[in-house]
Amino acid sequence: MKLKHNVRLVASHFQIHGAFQEAAPYGSGHINDTYCAIFDQAGTPVRYIFQRINHNIFKNPVALMENIQRVTAHLAGNANGDMNFSRRALTLVASRKGESYHRDADGNYWRCYLFIEMAKTYDAVESPKQAYQAAKAFGQFQKMLADLPLPRLHDTIPDFHHTPKRFANLERAIAANKVSRLSLAKAEIDFALQRKSICSVLLDAKLPERVTHNDTKFNNVMLDNATGEGICVIDLDTVMPGLALYDFGDMVRTTTSPAKEDERDLSKVTMQFPMFEALVRGYLSTAGEFLTPAEKKFLAFSGKLITFEIGLRFLTDYLEGDTYFKVHRDGHNLDRCRTQFKLVESIEQQEKAMNKLVESI
């Protein structure tokens, strides 16, 4: 199979022993180009992951890699002698120049990780037990980075979860009406405008800044093949300063509903309470040690806010002519928006019970 990139040539610039055997595309990510390569090391096939960083999305790959290098080194330093730690955190392989990345002749930035064996990711959660394990892993990730020393990490995507700014973008899109779609999205616009007051709640709460993952989809945690334990958090491109609740809120958004993100049958969209309970219990089993009472108070609310925020982004892009998110059909971004807003409604209907659960735990 002919590959998009010459992975053999890229691999030659990293500190890897043995003979390159083959490489193939790997995973289901949509942003970076990812390959799994096999090397013959003394007769044993050993796998590595190579990734080309999408510098159209991440404008400063050097700063991004500085973040990842600091985070992975700190996680390794907090391993406390765990002999199995190479499976519990990503491990960067240095370039032959001793850097955390290699820049090729075409200006592409590449990184290399040790391959984590006997574990895998799942694109969709299959049980509350899996949700518990993923939340526990993300909580442990935050906990181990809570004492990361200064300087502050770089903002790889500035204001990524700044909900008031996302709302302001929507208001500008409504005012401009660039592609004359206001009438097609009237119900969604009204839904958003009625909830403007929730946008600044977390920012106004003066919660402590943490090192956060900022993309806590279920498929960003690897589960052990034998035990089902959440062992390793992956996809560290958006690790940067933020609120701990951004991570928990996105877990609620992406894990509690059985529907796809662009589901047209909105009757399928619902916040499943058993999944939420599994997330809360898993997350607090690790993150509960460092979270403040104020952070715990807003756990349920964070799911509503982050879901609302992503809905705002889909709606804004629809009104601006689908310029950011890739679309595969007419009205695709509007369908995505409707799915998010329906999940917001489901959360609102259960929010009292959700808060009661958090208080009881």
Protein backbone atom coordinates (compact mmCIF):
# COMPACT_ATOMS: atom_id res chain seq x y z
CA MET A 1 0.00 0.00 0.00
CA LYS A 2 1.38 3.40 -1.01
CA LEU A 3 1.43 5.78 1.96
CA LYS A 4 0.75 9.50 1.94
CA HIS A 5 4.13 10.10 3.57
CA ASN A 6 7.57 8.43 3.49
CA VAL A 7 7.45 7.03 7.01
CA ARG A 8 10.70 5.10 6.53
CA LEU A 9 12.54 8.36 5.86
CA VAL A 10 10.83 10.11 8.78
CA ALA A 11 11.69 7.24 11.13
CA SER A 12 15.37 7.47 10.21
CA HIS A 13 15.49 10.82 12.02
CA PHE A 14 14.48 9.34 15.40
CA GLN A 15 16.55 7.44 17.97
CA ILE A 16 15.22 3.98 17.14
CA HIS A 17 17.40 0.88 16.88
CA GLY A 18 16.77 -1.96 14.47
CA ALA A 19 15.67 -2.28 10.88
CA PHE A 20 12.53 -0.56 9.61
CA GLN A 21 10.10 -3.21 8.35
CA GLU A 22 6.81 -1.57 7.37
CA ALA A 23 4.27 1.14 8.24
CA ALA A 24 0.53 1.60 7.84
CA PRO A 25 -2.07 4.28 8.73
CA TYR A 26 -3.33 3.88 12.28
CA GLY A 27 -6.34 4.97 14.35
CA SER A 28 -9.44 7.01 13.60
CA GLY A 29 -8.19 10.56 14.23
CA HIS A 30 -9.21 13.30 11.81
CA ILE A 31 -6.60 15.99 12.49
CA ASN A 32 -3.08 14.53 12.45
CA ASP A 33 -1.68 11.85 10.12
CA THR A 34 -0.88 8.80 12.23
CA TYR A 35 1.10 5.69 11.30
CA CYS A 36 2.16 2.52 13.08
CA ALA A 37 5.65 1.36 12.08
CA ILE A 38 7.33 -1.95 12.85
CA PHE A 39 11.06 -2.36 13.48
CA ASP A 40 13.03 -5.60 13.73
CA GLN A 41 14.98 -5.36 16.99
CA ALA A 42 17.16 -8.43 17.47
CA GLY A 43 14.55 -10.64 15.83
CA THR A 44 11.63 -9.14 17.76
CA PRO A 45 9.07 -6.95 15.97
CA VAL A 46 8.60 -3.69 17.92
CA ARG A 47 5.96 -1.10 17.08
CA TYR A 48 6.14 2.70 17.22
CA ILE A 49 3.61 5.44 16.51
CA PHE A 50 4.53 8.31 14.18
CA GLN A 51 2.37 11.40 13.83
CA ARG A 52 2.52 14.37 11.49
CA ILE A 53 1.19 17.36 13.41
CA ASN A 54 -1.45 19.30 11.49
CA HIS A 55 0.13 22.75 11.56
CA ASN A 56 -2.96 24.26 9.90
CA ILE A 57 -4.86 23.57 13.13
CA PHE A 58 -1.96 23.89 15.56
CA LYS A 59 -0.18 27.03 14.41
CA ASN A 60 2.84 26.64 16.70
CA PRO A 61 3.99 23.00 16.64
CA VAL A 62 7.19 23.78 18.54
CA ALA A 63 5.25 25.21 21.50
CA LEU A 64 2.81 22.30 21.31
CA MET A 65 5.66 19.79 21.49
CA GLU A 66 7.24 21.71 24.37
CA ASN A 67 3.95 21.23 26.25
CA ILE A 68 3.83 17.51 25.47
CA GLN A 69 7.48 16.99 26.40
CA ARG A 70 7.00 18.72 29.76
CA VAL A 71 3.76 16.87 30.51
CA THR A 72 5.03 13.40 29.59
CA ALA A 73 8.28 13.97 31.52
CA HIS A 74 6.34 15.08 34.59
CA LEU A 75 4.05 12.07 34.38
CA ALA A 76 7.10 9.82 34.20
CA GLY A 77 8.62 11.60 37.20
CA ASN A 78 5.46 10.90 39.20
CA ALA A 79 5.51 7.19 38.36
CA ASN A 80 6.93 6.34 41.81
CA GLY A 81 8.77 3.28 40.60
CA ASP A 82 5.82 1.76 38.73
CA MET A 83 7.53 -0.82 36.50
CA ASN A 84 4.48 -0.82 34.22
CA PHE A 85 4.52 2.92 33.73
CA SER A 86 5.43 2.82 30.03
CA ARG A 87 1.86 1.59 29.46
CA ARG A 88 0.29 4.26 31.68
CA ALA A 89 1.52 7.37 29.88
CA LEU A 90 2.73 8.26 26.42
CA THR A 91 6.51 8.14 26.00
CA LEU A 92 8.16 10.35 23.40
CA VAL A 93 11.08 9.05 21.35
CA ALA A 94 13.67 11.78 20.79
CA SER A 95 14.91 12.77 17.36
CA ARG A 96 18.55 12.15 16.45
CA LYS A 97 19.13 15.83 17.24
CA GLY A 98 17.82 15.22 20.77
CA GLU A 99 14.59 17.14 20.17
CA SER A 100 11.01 16.06 20.84
CA TYR A 101 10.13 16.36 17.14
CA HIS A 102 11.60 16.22 13.65
CA ARG A 103 10.92 18.82 10.98
CA ASP A 104 11.14 17.36 7.49
CA ALA A 105 12.22 19.01 4.23
CA ASP A 106 8.62 19.97 3.44
CA GLY A 107 8.18 21.82 6.73
CA ASN A 108 6.10 19.10 8.39
CA TYR A 109 6.55 18.43 12.10
CA TRP A 110 6.71 14.79 13.23
CA ARG A 111 6.76 13.09 16.61
CA CYS A 112 7.23 9.50 17.67
CA TYR A 113 5.79 7.55 20.64
CA LEU A 114 6.42 4.11 22.03
CA PHE A 115 3.50 1.86 21.05
CA ILE A 116 1.34 0.76 23.99
CA GLU A 117 0.65 -2.95 23.62
CA MET A 118 -2.30 -4.99 24.88
CA ALA A 119 -4.64 -2.00 25.09
CA LYS A 120 -6.95 -0.18 22.70
CA THR A 121 -9.39 2.68 22.31
CA TYR A 122 -13.11 2.45 21.55
CA ASP A 123 -14.96 4.98 19.41
CA ALA A 124 -18.15 4.51 21.46
CA VAL A 125 -18.65 3.61 25.12
CA GLU A 126 -20.24 0.21 25.63
CA SER A 127 -21.06 0.18 29.35
CA PRO A 128 -21.06 2.26 32.55
CA LYS A 129 -18.00 0.25 33.63
CA GLN A 130 -16.07 1.61 30.64
CA ALA A 131 -17.30 5.14 31.37
CA TYR A 132 -16.08 4.76 34.98
CA GLN A 133 -12.64 3.64 33.82
CA ALA A 134 -12.27 6.49 31.32
CA ALA A 135 -13.30 9.12 33.89
CA LYS A 136 -10.96 7.61 36.46
CA ALA A 137 -8.08 7.80 33.97
CA PHE A 138 -8.78 11.43 33.08
CA GLY A 139 -9.03 12.30 36.78
CA GLN A 140 -5.71 10.57 37.45
CA PHE A 141 -4.16 12.48 34.53
CA GLN A 142 -5.24 15.82 36.06
CA LYS A 143 -4.14 14.73 39.52
CA MET A 144 -0.61 13.79 38.39
CA LEU A 145 -0.24 17.13 36.62
CA ALA A 146 -1.63 19.24 39.47
CA ASP A 147 1.90 19.95 40.71
CA LEU A 148 3.47 20.69 37.31
CA PRO A 149 5.96 23.49 38.05
CA LEU A 150 6.05 26.84 36.31
CA PRO A 151 6.30 28.22 33.69
CA ARG A 152 2.69 28.00 32.58
CA LEU A 153 2.03 25.72 29.59
CA HIS A 154 1.46 27.31 26.20
CA ASP A 155 -2.12 27.87 25.00
CA THR A 156 -2.12 25.67 21.91
CA ILE A 157 -5.59 26.97 20.93
CA PRO A 158 -6.25 30.27 22.77
CA ASP A 159 -9.72 30.66 24.38
CA PHE A 160 -10.64 27.11 23.35
CA HIS A 161 -13.33 26.78 26.06
CA HIS A 162 -14.10 30.48 26.59
CA THR A 163 -17.87 30.14 26.28
CA PRO A 164 -18.71 33.90 26.36
CA LYS A 165 -16.40 34.45 23.38
CA ARG A 166 -18.02 31.53 21.56
CA PHE A 167 -21.41 33.18 22.20
CA ALA A 168 -20.11 36.53 20.93
CA ASN A 169 -19.02 34.76 17.73
CA LEU A 170 -22.58 33.49 17.31
CA GLU A 171 -24.01 36.98 17.81
CA ARG A 172 -21.69 38.33 15.10
CA ALA A 173 -22.74 35.53 12.75
CA ILE A 174 -26.41 36.35 13.36
CA ALA A 175 -25.81 40.04 12.69
CA ALA A 176 -23.84 39.37 9.48
CA ASN A 177 -26.22 36.68 8.13
CA LYS A 178 -23.54 36.02 5.54
CA VAL A 179 -25.23 33.13 3.74
CA SER A 180 -28.88 33.96 4.55
CA ARG A 181 -29.60 31.00 6.81
CA LEU A 182 -31.22 32.74 9.76
CA SER A 183 -34.74 31.56 8.93
CA LEU A 184 -33.56 27.94 8.64
CA ALA A 185 -32.06 28.04 12.14
CA LYS A 186 -34.60 30.25 13.94
CA ALA A 187 -35.48 27.66 16.60
CA GLU A 188 -31.81 26.95 17.35
CA ILE A 189 -30.95 30.66 17.51
CA ASP A 190 -33.82 31.26 19.93
CA PHE A 191 -32.68 28.30 22.04
CA ALA A 192 -29.18 29.76 22.26
CA LEU A 193 -30.25 33.32 23.01
CA GLN A 194 -32.47 32.14 25.87
CA ARG A 195 -29.41 30.59 27.58
CA LYS A 196 -26.88 33.39 27.18
CA SER A 197 -26.75 33.85 30.96
CA ILE A 198 -25.12 30.46 31.56
CA CYS A 199 -22.06 31.22 29.42
CA SER A 200 -20.00 32.98 32.08
CA VAL A 201 -20.99 30.91 35.13
CA LEU A 202 -17.75 28.91 35.39
CA LEU A 203 -15.53 31.90 34.64
CA ASP A 204 -17.37 34.01 37.22
CA ALA A 205 -16.92 31.27 39.84
CA LYS A 206 -13.17 32.07 40.02
CA LEU A 207 -12.18 28.41 39.90
CA PRO A 208 -8.46 27.52 40.00
CA GLU A 209 -6.59 27.10 36.75
CA ARG A 210 -5.41 23.52 36.17
CA VAL A 211 -3.48 21.57 33.58
CA THR A 212 -6.30 20.07 31.54
CA HIS A 213 -6.63 17.76 28.54
CA ASN A 214 -9.43 19.72 26.79
CA ASP A 215 -10.50 16.89 24.49
CA THR A 216 -11.82 14.19 26.80
CA LYS A 217 -13.68 12.08 24.28
CA PHE A 218 -14.06 8.46 25.32
CA ASN A 219 -11.69 7.34 22.54
CA ASN A 220 -8.84 9.35 24.04
CA VAL A 221 -8.36 6.78 26.80
CA MET A 222 -6.78 3.39 26.17
CA LEU A 223 -8.39 0.46 28.01
CA ASP A 224 -6.39 -2.63 28.97
CA ASN A 225 -7.37 -5.64 26.83
CA ALA A 226 -7.38 -8.04 29.77
CA THR A 227 -8.75 -6.01 32.67
CA GLY A 228 -10.69 -3.20 30.97
CA GLU A 229 -8.83 -0.68 33.14
CA GLY A 230 -8.32 2.82 31.75
CA ILE A 231 -4.54 2.86 31.60
CA CYS A 232 -3.40 5.70 29.35
CA VAL A 233 -4.70 9.11 28.25
CA ILE A 234 -3.70 9.92 24.67
CA ASP A 235 -3.99 12.79 22.16
CA LEU A 236 -2.17 15.47 24.14
CA ASP A 237 -2.27 18.24 21.51
CA THR A 238 -4.75 20.34 23.50
CA VAL A 239 -3.19 19.83 26.93
CA MET A 240 -2.90 23.38 28.26
CA PRO A 241 -4.10 25.58 31.12
CA GLY A 242 -7.84 25.45 31.75
CA LEU A 243 -10.56 24.56 34.23
CA ALA A 244 -10.81 20.97 35.45
CA LEU A 245 -14.53 21.14 34.72
CA TYR A 246 -13.89 21.68 31.00
CA ASP A 247 -12.62 18.11 30.94
CA PHE A 248 -15.43 16.64 33.00
CA GLY A 249 -18.05 18.55 31.03
CA ASP A 250 -16.76 17.19 27.74
CA MET A 251 -16.84 13.67 29.18
CA VAL A 252 -20.54 14.16 29.93
CA ARG A 253 -21.14 15.53 26.42
CA THR A 254 -19.38 12.71 24.58
CA THR A 255 -20.13 9.70 26.80
CA THR A 256 -23.63 9.93 28.26
CA SER A 257 -25.74 9.99 25.07
CA PRO A 258 -26.06 6.88 22.89
CA ALA A 259 -26.67 8.98 19.77
CA LYS A 260 -24.09 10.03 17.20
CA GLU A 261 -22.94 13.65 17.20
CA ASP A 262 -24.91 14.34 13.99
CA GLU A 263 -27.96 12.13 14.72
CA ARG A 264 -31.06 13.38 12.90
CA ASP A 265 -33.51 11.35 14.98
CA LEU A 266 -33.46 13.50 18.10
CA SER A 267 -35.54 10.98 20.03
CA LYS A 268 -32.33 8.97 20.33
CA VAL A 269 -30.51 11.83 22.09
CA THR A 270 -30.68 11.59 25.87
CA MET A 271 -28.43 11.99 28.88
CA GLN A 272 -28.26 8.48 30.33
CA PHE A 273 -28.14 8.82 34.11
CA PRO A 274 -26.27 5.53 34.75
CA MET A 275 -23.48 6.75 32.45
CA PHE A 276 -23.35 10.08 34.27
CA GLU A 277 -23.16 8.34 37.63
CA ALA A 278 -20.29 6.16 36.36
CA LEU A 279 -18.42 9.28 35.17
CA VAL A 280 -18.87 11.05 38.51
CA ARG A 281 -17.76 8.06 40.56
CA GLY A 282 -14.78 7.32 38.32
CA TYR A 283 -13.62 10.92 38.10
CA LEU A 284 -13.95 11.66 41.81
CA SER A 285 -12.15 8.43 42.73
CA THR A 286 -8.96 10.11 41.48
CA ALA A 287 -9.61 13.84 40.99
CA GLY A 288 -11.59 14.12 44.20
CA GLU A 289 -8.35 14.39 46.14
CA PHE A 290 -7.41 17.78 44.69
CA LEU A 291 -10.69 19.37 43.51
CA THR A 292 -12.04 22.24 45.59
CA PRO A 293 -15.63 22.23 46.94
CA ALA A 294 -16.53 24.87 44.33
CA GLU A 295 -15.25 22.68 41.49
CA LYS A 296 -17.26 19.70 42.73
CA LYS A 297 -20.35 21.90 43.03
CA PHE A 298 -20.35 22.60 39.28
CA LEU A 299 -19.71 19.07 38.02
CA ALA A 300 -23.25 18.53 36.70
CA PHE A 301 -23.48 22.07 35.34
CA SER A 302 -20.22 21.66 33.40
CA GLY A 303 -21.78 18.95 31.25
CA LYS A 304 -24.59 21.30 30.25
CA LEU A 305 -22.24 24.20 29.57
CA ILE A 306 -19.71 22.36 27.42
CA THR A 307 -22.49 20.68 25.44
CA PHE A 308 -24.10 24.08 24.92
CA GLU A 309 -20.76 25.56 23.88
CA ILE A 310 -20.14 22.93 21.20
CA GLY A 311 -23.69 23.48 19.95
CA LEU A 312 -22.91 27.20 19.68
CA ARG A 313 -19.85 26.42 17.58
CA PHE A 314 -21.80 24.19 15.18
CA LEU A 315 -24.56 26.79 14.87
CA THR A 316 -22.09 29.61 14.27
CA ASP A 317 -20.31 27.63 11.57
CA TYR A 318 -23.64 26.84 9.90
CA LEU A 319 -24.58 30.54 9.82
CA GLU A 320 -21.15 31.46 8.45
CA GLY A 321 -21.35 28.97 5.58
CA ASP A 322 -19.62 25.88 7.02
CA THR A 323 -16.09 27.25 7.00
CA TYR A 324 -14.57 25.42 10.00
CA PHE A 325 -16.04 21.94 10.53
CA LYS A 326 -16.01 19.49 7.64
CA VAL A 327 -19.53 18.79 6.38
CA HIS A 328 -20.79 15.84 4.35
CA ARG A 329 -24.34 16.93 3.55
CA ASP A 330 -26.52 20.02 3.40
CA GLY A 331 -27.37 21.22 6.89
CA HIS A 332 -24.79 18.94 8.51
CA ASN A 333 -23.65 21.56 11.04
CA LEU A 334 -27.26 22.40 11.86
CA ASP A 335 -27.93 18.71 12.53
CA ARG A 336 -24.92 18.64 14.84
CA CYS A 337 -26.15 21.75 16.62
CA ARG A 338 -29.61 20.24 17.13
CA THR A 339 -28.09 17.09 18.64
CA GLN A 340 -26.08 19.13 21.13
CA PHE A 341 -29.02 21.34 22.09
CA LYS A 342 -31.27 18.30 22.56
CA LEU A 343 -28.66 16.87 24.95
CA VAL A 344 -28.63 20.21 26.80
CA GLU A 345 -32.40 19.90 27.23
CA SER A 346 -32.03 16.34 28.54
CA ILE A 347 -29.41 17.48 31.05
CA GLU A 348 -31.64 20.36 32.17
CA GLN A 349 -34.48 17.93 32.81
CA GLN A 350 -32.23 15.80 35.05
CA GLU A 351 -29.97 18.49 36.50
CA LYS A 352 -31.54 18.44 39.94
CA ALA A 353 -31.00 14.69 40.27
CA MET A 354 -27.48 15.03 38.86
CA ASN A 355 -26.56 17.62 41.49
CA LYS A 356 -28.08 15.47 44.22
CA LEU A 357 -25.95 12.53 43.09
CA VAL A 358 -22.74 14.60 43.16
CA GLU A 359 -23.57 15.86 46.67
CA SER A 360 -24.17 12.31 47.90
CA ILE A 361 -20.81 11.14 46.59
